[in-house]
PDB file of all heavy atoms in Angstrom:
ATOM      1  N   VAL A   1      -7.449  -5.013 -12.532  1.00  0.00           N
ATOM      2  CA  VAL A   1      -6.143  -5.384 -11.908  1.00  0.00           C
ATOM      3  C   VAL A   1      -5.221  -4.231 -11.762  1.00  0.00           C
ATOM      4  O   VAL A   1      -4.736  -3.971 -10.642  1.00  0.00           O
ATOM      5  CB  VAL A   1      -5.611  -6.610 -12.542  1.00  0.00           C
ATOM      6  CG1 VAL A   1      -4.283  -6.944 -11.849  1.00  0.00           C
ATOM      7  CG2 VAL A   1      -6.541  -7.871 -12.469  1.00  0.00           C
ATOM      8  N   ALA A   2      -5.022  -3.511 -12.800  1.00  0.00           N
ATOM      9  CA  ALA A   2      -3.957  -2.492 -12.779  1.00  0.00           C
ATOM     10  C   ALA A   2      -4.358  -1.208 -11.936  1.00  0.00           C
ATOM     11  O   ALA A   2      -3.552  -0.749 -11.137  1.00  0.00           O
ATOM     12  CB  ALA A   2      -3.832  -1.969 -14.198  1.00  0.00           C
ATOM     13  N   LEU A   3      -5.638  -0.807 -12.041  1.00  0.00           N
ATOM     14  CA  LEU A   3      -6.075   0.329 -11.237  1.00  0.00           C
ATOM     15  C   LEU A   3      -6.148  -0.003  -9.750  1.00  0.00           C
ATOM     16  O   LEU A   3      -5.822   0.831  -8.883  1.00  0.00           O
ATOM     17  CB  LEU A   3      -7.407   0.821 -11.690  1.00  0.00           C
ATOM     18  CG  LEU A   3      -7.428   1.389 -13.191  1.00  0.00           C
ATOM     19  CD1 LEU A   3      -8.879   1.848 -13.523  1.00  0.00           C
ATOM     20  CD2 LEU A   3      -6.481   2.713 -13.095  1.00  0.00           C
ATOM     21  N   SER A   4      -6.522  -1.240  -9.497  1.00  0.00           N
ATOM     22  CA  SER A   4      -6.592  -1.673  -8.071  1.00  0.00           C
ATOM     23  C   SER A   4      -5.185  -1.695  -7.459  1.00  0.00           C
ATOM     24  O   SER A   4      -4.934  -1.298  -6.319  1.00  0.00           O
ATOM     25  CB  SER A   4      -7.294  -3.035  -7.918  1.00  0.00           C
ATOM     26  OG  SER A   4      -8.661  -3.041  -8.325  1.00  0.00           O
ATOM     27  N   HIS A   5      -4.247  -2.217  -8.338  1.00  0.00           N
ATOM     28  CA  HIS A   5      -2.783  -2.212  -7.837  1.00  0.00           C
ATOM     29  C   HIS A   5      -2.274  -0.813  -7.600  1.00  0.00           C
ATOM     30  O   HIS A   5      -1.531  -0.580  -6.617  1.00  0.00           O
ATOM     31  CB  HIS A   5      -1.956  -2.982  -8.775  1.00  0.00           C
ATOM     32  CG  HIS A   5      -0.681  -3.338  -8.323  1.00  0.00           C
ATOM     33  ND1 HIS A   5      -0.498  -4.109  -7.142  1.00  0.00           N
ATOM     34  CD2 HIS A   5       0.614  -3.072  -8.753  1.00  0.00           C
ATOM     35  CE1 HIS A   5       0.839  -4.373  -7.076  1.00  0.00           C
ATOM     36  NE2 HIS A   5       1.539  -3.642  -7.875  1.00  0.00           N
ATOM     37  N   ALA A   6      -2.642   0.144  -8.441  1.00  0.00           N
ATOM     38  CA  ALA A   6      -2.178   1.542  -8.332  1.00  0.00           C
ATOM     39  C   ALA A   6      -2.644   2.140  -7.054  1.00  0.00           C
ATOM     40  O   ALA A   6      -1.933   2.785  -6.373  1.00  0.00           O
ATOM     41  CB  ALA A   6      -2.620   2.256  -9.536  1.00  0.00           C
ATOM     42  N   VAL A   7      -3.968   1.929  -6.720  1.00  0.00           N
ATOM     43  CA  VAL A   7      -4.492   2.335  -5.508  1.00  0.00           C
ATOM     44  C   VAL A   7      -3.806   1.897  -4.245  1.00  0.00           C
ATOM     45  O   VAL A   7      -3.432   2.621  -3.355  1.00  0.00           O
ATOM     46  CB  VAL A   7      -6.026   1.996  -5.373  1.00  0.00           C
ATOM     47  CG1 VAL A   7      -6.622   2.386  -3.975  1.00  0.00           C
ATOM     48  CG2 VAL A   7      -6.881   2.803  -6.393  1.00  0.00           C
ATOM     49  N   MET A   8      -3.564   0.529  -4.327  1.00  0.00           N
ATOM     50  CA  MET A   8      -2.874  -0.108  -3.092  1.00  0.00           C
ATOM     51  C   MET A   8      -1.387   0.441  -2.951  1.00  0.00           C
ATOM     52  O   MET A   8      -1.112   0.842  -1.838  1.00  0.00           O
ATOM     53  CB  MET A   8      -2.851  -1.572  -3.309  1.00  0.00           C
ATOM     54  CG  MET A   8      -2.275  -2.338  -2.083  1.00  0.00           C
ATOM     55  SD  MET A   8      -0.514  -2.454  -2.045  1.00  0.00           S
ATOM     56  CE  MET A   8      -0.111  -3.506  -3.429  1.00  0.00           C
ATOM     57  N   VAL A   9      -0.653   0.533  -4.033  1.00  0.00           N
ATOM     58  CA  VAL A   9       0.803   0.961  -4.047  1.00  0.00           C
ATOM     59  C   VAL A   9       0.749   2.378  -3.532  1.00  0.00           C
ATOM     60  O   VAL A   9       1.642   2.752  -2.722  1.00  0.00           O
ATOM     61  CB  VAL A   9       1.464   0.625  -5.310  1.00  0.00           C
ATOM     62  CG1 VAL A   9       2.866   1.287  -5.233  1.00  0.00           C
ATOM     63  CG2 VAL A   9       1.574  -0.735  -5.581  1.00  0.00           C
ATOM     64  N   ALA A  10       0.028   3.269  -4.092  1.00  0.00           N
ATOM     65  CA  ALA A  10      -0.016   4.679  -3.874  1.00  0.00           C
ATOM     66  C   ALA A  10      -0.177   4.908  -2.406  1.00  0.00           C
ATOM     67  O   ALA A  10       0.589   5.719  -1.760  1.00  0.00           O
ATOM     68  CB  ALA A  10      -1.013   5.420  -4.687  1.00  0.00           C
ATOM     69  N   LEU A  11      -1.226   4.444  -1.777  1.00  0.00           N
ATOM     70  CA  LEU A  11      -1.482   4.716  -0.372  1.00  0.00           C
ATOM     71  C   LEU A  11      -0.475   3.989   0.583  1.00  0.00           C
ATOM     72  O   LEU A  11       0.125   4.602   1.513  1.00  0.00           O
ATOM     73  CB  LEU A  11      -2.877   4.232  -0.038  1.00  0.00           C
ATOM     74  CG  LEU A  11      -3.331   4.726   1.424  1.00  0.00           C
ATOM     75  CD1 LEU A  11      -3.521   6.247   1.325  1.00  0.00           C
ATOM     76  CD2 LEU A  11      -4.681   4.095   1.842  1.00  0.00           C
ATOM     77  N   MET A  12      -0.228   2.718   0.286  1.00  0.00           N
ATOM     78  CA  MET A  12       0.774   1.950   1.102  1.00  0.00           C
ATOM     79  C   MET A  12       2.152   2.551   1.106  1.00  0.00           C
ATOM     80  O   MET A  12       2.703   2.678   2.197  1.00  0.00           O
ATOM     81  CB  MET A  12       0.803   0.430   0.537  1.00  0.00           C
ATOM     82  CG  MET A  12       1.725  -0.459   1.407  1.00  0.00           C
ATOM     83  SD  MET A  12       3.484  -0.398   0.885  1.00  0.00           S
ATOM     84  CE  MET A  12       3.252  -1.098  -0.727  1.00  0.00           C
ATOM     85  N   SER A  13       2.607   2.981  -0.055  1.00  0.00           N
ATOM     86  CA  SER A  13       3.998   3.479  -0.060  1.00  0.00           C
ATOM     87  C   SER A  13       4.248   4.789   0.727  1.00  0.00           C
ATOM     88  O   SER A  13       5.270   5.129   1.013  1.00  0.00           O
ATOM     89  CB  SER A  13       4.428   3.594  -1.554  1.00  0.00           C
ATOM     90  OG  SER A  13       3.617   4.580  -2.195  1.00  0.00           O
ATOM     91  N   MET A  14       3.181   5.522   0.726  1.00  0.00           N
ATOM     92  CA  MET A  14       3.162   6.858   1.532  1.00  0.00           C
ATOM     93  C   MET A  14       2.873   6.775   2.940  1.00  0.00           C
ATOM     94  O   MET A  14       3.110   7.722   3.774  1.00  0.00           O
ATOM     95  CB  MET A  14       2.279   7.868   0.861  1.00  0.00           C
ATOM     96  CG  MET A  14       2.744   8.213  -0.613  1.00  0.00           C
ATOM     97  SD  MET A  14       4.330   9.062  -0.622  1.00  0.00           S
ATOM     98  CE  MET A  14       5.335   7.750  -1.245  1.00  0.00           C
ATOM     99  N   THR A  15       2.328   5.611   3.369  1.00  0.00           N
ATOM    100  CA  THR A  15       2.017   5.425   4.789  1.00  0.00           C
ATOM    101  C   THR A  15       3.141   5.572   5.709  1.00  0.00           C
ATOM    102  O   THR A  15       3.004   6.408   6.758  1.00  0.00           O
ATOM    103  CB  THR A  15       1.178   4.243   5.018  1.00  0.00           C
ATOM    104  OG1 THR A  15      -0.036   4.263   4.205  1.00  0.00           O
ATOM    105  CG2 THR A  15       0.760   4.097   6.502  1.00  0.00           C
ATOM    106  N   PRO A  16       4.235   4.954   5.457  1.00  0.00           N
ATOM    107  CA  PRO A  16       5.391   5.069   6.405  1.00  0.00           C
ATOM    108  C   PRO A  16       5.898   6.550   6.538  1.00  0.00           C
ATOM    109  O   PRO A  16       6.233   7.016   7.589  1.00  0.00           O
ATOM    110  CB  PRO A  16       6.438   4.213   5.810  1.00  0.00           C
ATOM    111  CG  PRO A  16       5.692   3.181   5.048  1.00  0.00           C
ATOM    112  CD  PRO A  16       4.552   3.896   4.498  1.00  0.00           C
ATOM    113  N   VAL A  17       5.840   7.277   5.400  1.00  0.00           N
ATOM    114  CA  VAL A  17       6.262   8.641   5.357  1.00  0.00           C
ATOM    115  C   VAL A  17       5.388   9.470   6.196  1.00  0.00           C
ATOM    116  O   VAL A  17       5.835  10.331   6.950  1.00  0.00           O
ATOM    117  CB  VAL A  17       6.324   9.049   3.887  1.00  0.00           C
ATOM    118  CG1 VAL A  17       6.762  10.583   3.913  1.00  0.00           C
ATOM    119  CG2 VAL A  17       7.404   8.360   3.081  1.00  0.00           C
ATOM    120  N   HIS A  18       4.063   9.297   5.965  1.00  0.00           N
ATOM    121  CA  HIS A  18       3.048  10.061   6.731  1.00  0.00           C
ATOM    122  C   HIS A  18       3.194   9.692   8.258  1.00  0.00           C
ATOM    123  O   HIS A  18       3.196  10.606   9.100  1.00  0.00           O
ATOM    124  CB  HIS A  18       1.627   9.658   6.195  1.00  0.00           C
ATOM    125  CG  HIS A  18       0.631  10.192   7.205  1.00  0.00           C
ATOM    126  ND1 HIS A  18       0.244  11.526   7.197  1.00  0.00           N
ATOM    127  CD2 HIS A  18      -0.318   9.520   7.905  1.00  0.00           C
ATOM    128  CE1 HIS A  18      -0.774  11.735   8.065  1.00  0.00           C
ATOM    129  NE2 HIS A  18      -1.096  10.446   8.445  1.00  0.00           N
ATOM    130  N   LEU A  19       3.286   8.569   8.615  1.00  0.00           N
ATOM    131  CA  LEU A  19       3.242   8.131  10.012  1.00  0.00           C
ATOM    132  C   LEU A  19       4.584   8.640  10.734  1.00  0.00           C
ATOM    133  O   LEU A  19       4.447   9.260  11.794  1.00  0.00           O
ATOM    134  CB  LEU A  19       3.109   6.600  10.257  1.00  0.00           C
ATOM    135  CG  LEU A  19       1.742   5.963   9.920  1.00  0.00           C
ATOM    136  CD1 LEU A  19       1.872   4.453  10.049  1.00  0.00           C
ATOM    137  CD2 LEU A  19       0.794   6.523  10.783  1.00  0.00           C
ATOM    138  N   THR A  20       5.669   8.483  10.165  1.00  0.00           N
ATOM    139  CA  THR A  20       6.956   8.928  10.758  1.00  0.00           C
ATOM    140  C   THR A  20       6.932  10.477  10.878  1.00  0.00           C
ATOM    141  O   THR A  20       7.480  11.040  11.778  1.00  0.00           O
ATOM    142  CB  THR A  20       8.210   8.430  10.042  1.00  0.00           C
ATOM    143  OG1 THR A  20       8.054   8.799   8.662  1.00  0.00           O
ATOM    144  CG2 THR A  20       8.288   6.904  10.122  1.00  0.00           C
ATOM    145  N   GLY A  21       6.299  11.147   9.885  1.00  0.00           N
ATOM    146  CA  GLY A  21       6.220  12.583   9.952  1.00  0.00           C
ATOM    147  C   GLY A  21       5.320  13.079  10.922  1.00  0.00           C
ATOM    148  O   GLY A  21       5.479  14.221  11.363  1.00  0.00           O
ATOM    149  N   HIS A  22       4.486  12.266  11.532  1.00  0.00           N
ATOM    150  CA  HIS A  22       3.602  12.611  12.586  1.00  0.00           C
ATOM    151  C   HIS A  22       4.080  11.961  13.958  1.00  0.00           C
ATOM    152  O   HIS A  22       3.155  11.817  14.829  1.00  0.00           O
ATOM    153  CB  HIS A  22       2.124  12.241  12.308  1.00  0.00           C
ATOM    154  CG  HIS A  22       1.544  13.144  11.290  1.00  0.00           C
ATOM    155  ND1 HIS A  22       1.867  13.172   9.950  1.00  0.00           N
ATOM    156  CD2 HIS A  22       0.569  14.088  11.430  1.00  0.00           C
ATOM    157  CE1 HIS A  22       1.140  14.013   9.335  1.00  0.00           C
ATOM    158  NE2 HIS A  22       0.378  14.709  10.287  1.00  0.00           N
ATOM    159  N   GLY A  23       5.278  11.511  13.983  1.00  0.00           N
ATOM    160  CA  GLY A  23       5.838  11.063  15.279  1.00  0.00           C
ATOM    161  C   GLY A  23       5.714   9.663  15.637  1.00  0.00           C
ATOM    162  O   GLY A  23       6.018   9.254  16.761  1.00  0.00           O
ATOM    163  N   ALA A  24       5.184   8.841  14.686  1.00  0.00           N
ATOM    164  CA  ALA A  24       5.022   7.356  14.954  1.00  0.00           C
ATOM    165  C   ALA A  24       6.322   6.705  15.018  1.00  0.00           C
ATOM    166  O   ALA A  24       7.274   7.144  14.354  1.00  0.00           O
ATOM    167  CB  ALA A  24       4.238   6.780  13.909  1.00  0.00           C
ATOM    168  N   SER A  25       6.460   5.701  15.890  1.00  0.00           N
ATOM    169  CA  SER A  25       7.693   4.979  16.018  1.00  0.00           C
ATOM    170  C   SER A  25       7.892   4.032  14.853  1.00  0.00           C
ATOM    171  O   SER A  25       6.860   3.683  14.151  1.00  0.00           O
ATOM    172  CB  SER A  25       7.839   4.144  17.322  1.00  0.00           C
ATOM    173  OG  SER A  25       6.748   3.173  17.301  1.00  0.00           O
ATOM    174  N   LEU A  26       9.112   3.601  14.600  1.00  0.00           N
ATOM    175  CA  LEU A  26       9.393   2.597  13.555  1.00  0.00           C
ATOM    176  C   LEU A  26       8.757   1.334  13.758  1.00  0.00           C
ATOM    177  O   LEU A  26       8.231   0.641  12.886  1.00  0.00           O
ATOM    178  CB  LEU A  26      10.914   2.395  13.362  1.00  0.00           C
ATOM    179  CG  LEU A  26      11.670   3.590  12.811  1.00  0.00           C
ATOM    180  CD1 LEU A  26      13.209   3.186  12.764  1.00  0.00           C
ATOM    181  CD2 LEU A  26      11.102   3.921  11.444  1.00  0.00           C
ATOM    182  N   GLY A  27       8.512   1.039  15.105  1.00  0.00           N
ATOM    183  CA  GLY A  27       7.812  -0.201  15.487  1.00  0.00           C
ATOM    184  C   GLY A  27       6.266  -0.204  15.008  1.00  0.00           C
ATOM    185  O   GLY A  27       5.841  -1.213  14.509  1.00  0.00           O
ATOM    186  N   LEU A  28       5.748   0.942  15.236  1.00  0.00           N
ATOM    187  CA  LEU A  28       4.311   1.160  14.790  1.00  0.00           C
ATOM    188  C   LEU A  28       4.220   1.094  13.267  1.00  0.00           C
ATOM    189  O   LEU A  28       3.382   0.530  12.678  1.00  0.00           O
ATOM    190  CB  LEU A  28       3.705   2.430  15.330  1.00  0.00           C
ATOM    191  CG  LEU A  28       2.235   2.682  14.873  1.00  0.00           C
ATOM    192  CD1 LEU A  28       1.349   1.586  15.403  1.00  0.00           C
ATOM    193  CD2 LEU A  28       1.861   4.175  15.403  1.00  0.00           C
ATOM    194  N   VAL A  29       5.188   1.713  12.673  1.00  0.00           N
ATOM    195  CA  VAL A  29       5.122   1.705  11.157  1.00  0.00           C
ATOM    196  C   VAL A  29       5.305   0.250  10.692  1.00  0.00           C
ATOM    197  O   VAL A  29       4.578  -0.280   9.755  1.00  0.00           O
ATOM    198  CB  VAL A  29       6.376   2.566  10.594  1.00  0.00           C
ATOM    199  CG1 VAL A  29       6.425   2.335   9.110  1.00  0.00           C
ATOM    200  CG2 VAL A  29       6.104   3.942  10.885  1.00  0.00           C
ATOM    201  N   GLY A  30       6.219  -0.450  11.258  1.00  0.00           N
ATOM    202  CA  GLY A  30       6.449  -1.818  10.798  1.00  0.00           C
ATOM    203  C   GLY A  30       5.150  -2.693  11.084  1.00  0.00           C
ATOM    204  O   GLY A  30       4.732  -3.531  10.274  1.00  0.00           O
ATOM    205  N   LEU A  31       4.601  -2.576  12.279  1.00  0.00           N
ATOM    206  CA  LEU A  31       3.200  -3.242  12.606  1.00  0.00           C
ATOM    207  C   LEU A  31       2.161  -2.937  11.607  1.00  0.00           C
ATOM    208  O   LEU A  31       1.406  -3.891  11.136  1.00  0.00           O
ATOM    209  CB  LEU A  31       2.817  -2.893  14.040  1.00  0.00           C
ATOM    210  CG  LEU A  31       1.546  -3.636  14.454  1.00  0.00           C
ATOM    211  CD1 LEU A  31       1.621  -5.032  14.431  1.00  0.00           C
ATOM    212  CD2 LEU A  31       1.194  -3.062  15.765  1.00  0.00           C
TER     213      LEU A  31
END
């Protein structure tokens, strides 16, 4: 449970930063 949660949080939390850094709109990030 713990390691699976760590994988999910690590990638999910950095996805908005990555997408906006590559020009994605906030709408796409939200979707």
